[in-house]
Amino acid sequence: GDRDIDTRYHMATLQLMVGQFPAALALADTMLIESPDNLLAWYVRGIIADFQQDTVRLGEVHREFDKVFDAESATRL
């Protein structure tokens, strides 16, 4: 619904803790739609890939996270 990115991140984290990976991934995806370089969304996607032992996806997430890290960190959000 009308949840902000921070709320969606916290909800995704809770869903990760109980193994609801598809729901957590859906929240991360909505975060990226609103903010394509959002580090928290990439972090959630990385955690999911790690839990699922998907090394290909994890590598992709790491590359994307690294690509946007400096610019996003500079925003000081």
C-alpha atoms as a PDB file:
ATOM      1  CA  GLY A   1       0.000   0.000   0.000  1.00  0.00           C
ATOM      2  CA  ASP A   2       1.124   3.504   0.877  1.00  0.00           C
ATOM      3  CA  ARG A   3       4.111   2.416   2.938  1.00  0.00           C
ATOM      4  CA  ASP A   4       7.284   4.425   2.655  1.00  0.00           C
ATOM      5  CA  ILE A   5      10.592   2.818   1.772  1.00  0.00           C
ATOM      6  CA  ASP A   6      11.766   2.642   5.377  1.00  0.00           C
ATOM      7  CA  THR A   7       8.614   0.804   6.433  1.00  0.00           C
ATOM      8  CA  ARG A   8       8.928  -1.595   3.500  1.00  0.00           C
ATOM      9  CA  TYR A   9      12.552  -2.299   4.441  1.00  0.00           C
ATOM     10  CA  HIS A  10      11.599  -3.144   8.030  1.00  0.00           C
ATOM     11  CA  MET A  11       8.718  -5.317   6.861  1.00  0.00           C
ATOM     12  CA  ALA A  12      11.024  -7.127   4.426  1.00  0.00           C
ATOM     13  CA  THR A  13      13.527  -7.726   7.234  1.00  0.00           C
ATOM     14  CA  LEU A  14      10.822  -9.291   9.390  1.00  0.00           C
ATOM     15  CA  GLN A  15       9.711 -11.454   6.481  1.00  0.00           C
ATOM     16  CA  LEU A  16      13.302 -12.592   5.953  1.00  0.00           C
ATOM     17  CA  MET A  17      13.501 -13.691   9.592  1.00  0.00           C
ATOM     18  CA  VAL A  18      10.561 -16.040   9.170  1.00  0.00           C
ATOM     19  CA  GLY A  19      11.561 -17.333   5.745  1.00  0.00           C
ATOM     20  CA  GLN A  20       8.985 -15.483   3.666  1.00  0.00           C
ATOM     21  CA  PHE A  21      11.442 -14.782   0.866  1.00  0.00           C
ATOM     22  CA  PRO A  22       8.926 -14.104  -1.936  1.00  0.00           C
ATOM     23  CA  ALA A  23       7.162 -11.462   0.177  1.00  0.00           C
ATOM     24  CA  ALA A  24      10.472  -9.861   1.190  1.00  0.00           C
ATOM     25  CA  LEU A  25      11.614  -9.849  -2.436  1.00  0.00           C
ATOM     26  CA  ALA A  26       8.345  -8.227  -3.529  1.00  0.00           C
ATOM     27  CA  LEU A  27       8.902  -5.434  -1.017  1.00  0.00           C
ATOM     28  CA  ALA A  28      12.489  -4.948  -2.183  1.00  0.00           C
ATOM     29  CA  ASP A  29      11.223  -4.774  -5.763  1.00  0.00           C
ATOM     30  CA  THR A  30       8.691  -2.063  -4.873  1.00  0.00           C
ATOM     31  CA  MET A  31      11.466  -0.148  -3.111  1.00  0.00           C
ATOM     32  CA  LEU A  32      13.572  -0.304  -6.278  1.00  0.00           C
ATOM     33  CA  ILE A  33      10.672   0.861  -8.430  1.00  0.00           C
ATOM     34  CA  GLU A  34      10.387   3.975  -6.289  1.00  0.00           C
ATOM     35  CA  SER A  35      14.127   4.409  -5.761  1.00  0.00           C
ATOM     36  CA  PRO A  36      16.250   2.330  -8.213  1.00  0.00           C
ATOM     37  CA  ASP A  37      19.515   2.924  -6.345  1.00  0.00           C
ATOM     38  CA  ASN A  38      18.182   2.248  -2.851  1.00  0.00           C
ATOM     39  CA  LEU A  39      20.894   0.458  -0.879  1.00  0.00           C
ATOM     40  CA  LEU A  40      18.467  -1.143   1.572  1.00  0.00           C
ATOM     41  CA  ALA A  41      16.536  -2.763  -1.264  1.00  0.00           C
ATOM     42  CA  TRP A  42      19.750  -4.149  -2.746  1.00  0.00           C
ATOM     43  CA  TYR A  43      20.748  -5.361   0.721  1.00  0.00           C
ATOM     44  CA  VAL A  44      17.453  -7.259   1.105  1.00  0.00           C
ATOM     45  CA  ARG A  45      17.888  -8.811  -2.339  1.00  0.00           C
ATOM     46  CA  GLY A  46      21.425  -9.852  -1.369  1.00  0.00           C
ATOM     47  CA  ILE A  47      20.268 -11.477   1.869  1.00  0.00           C
ATOM     48  CA  ILE A  48      17.640 -13.445  -0.040  1.00  0.00           C
ATOM     49  CA  ALA A  49      20.194 -14.621  -2.621  1.00  0.00           C
ATOM     50  CA  ASP A  50      22.565 -15.605   0.184  1.00  0.00           C
ATOM     51  CA  PHE A  51      19.899 -17.555   2.097  1.00  0.00           C
ATOM     52  CA  GLN A  52      18.904 -19.324  -1.101  1.00  0.00           C
ATOM     53  CA  GLN A  53      22.564 -20.020  -1.941  1.00  0.00           C
ATOM     54  CA  ASP A  54      22.064 -18.394  -5.332  1.00  0.00           C
ATOM     55  CA  THR A  55      25.656 -17.353  -6.024  1.00  0.00           C
ATOM     56  CA  VAL A  56      24.855 -16.013  -9.499  1.00  0.00           C
ATOM     57  CA  ARG A  57      22.143 -13.699  -8.164  1.00  0.00           C
ATOM     58  CA  LEU A  58      24.311 -12.745  -5.181  1.00  0.00           C
ATOM     59  CA  GLY A  59      27.106 -11.685  -7.516  1.00  0.00           C
ATOM     60  CA  GLU A  60      24.666  -9.580  -9.539  1.00  0.00           C
ATOM     61  CA  VAL A  61      23.357  -7.921  -6.380  1.00  0.00           C
ATOM     62  CA  HIS A  62      26.885  -7.213  -5.127  1.00  0.00           C
ATOM     63  CA  ARG A  63      27.806  -5.578  -8.431  1.00  0.00           C
ATOM     64  CA  GLU A  64      24.669  -3.431  -8.450  1.00  0.00           C
ATOM     65  CA  PHE A  65      25.122  -2.480  -4.781  1.00  0.00           C
ATOM     66  CA  ASP A  66      28.754  -1.503  -5.394  1.00  0.00           C
ATOM     67  CA  LYS A  67      27.765   0.481  -8.499  1.00  0.00           C
ATOM     68  CA  VAL A  68      25.369   2.743  -6.563  1.00  0.00           C
ATOM     69  CA  PHE A  69      27.054   2.759  -3.139  1.00  0.00           C
ATOM     70  CA  ASP A  70      29.203   5.905  -3.467  1.00  0.00           C
ATOM     71  CA  ALA A  71      26.459   8.067  -4.960  1.00  0.00           C
ATOM     72  CA  GLU A  72      23.831   6.879  -2.480  1.00  0.00           C
ATOM     73  CA  SER A  73      26.193   7.280   0.485  1.00  0.00           C
ATOM     74  CA  ALA A  74      26.866  10.852  -0.573  1.00  0.00           C
ATOM     75  CA  THR A  75      23.167  11.705  -0.183  1.00  0.00           C
ATOM     76  CA  ARG A  76      23.508  11.051   3.584  1.00  0.00           C
ATOM     77  CA  LEU A  77      19.984   9.626   3.837  1.00  0.00           C
END
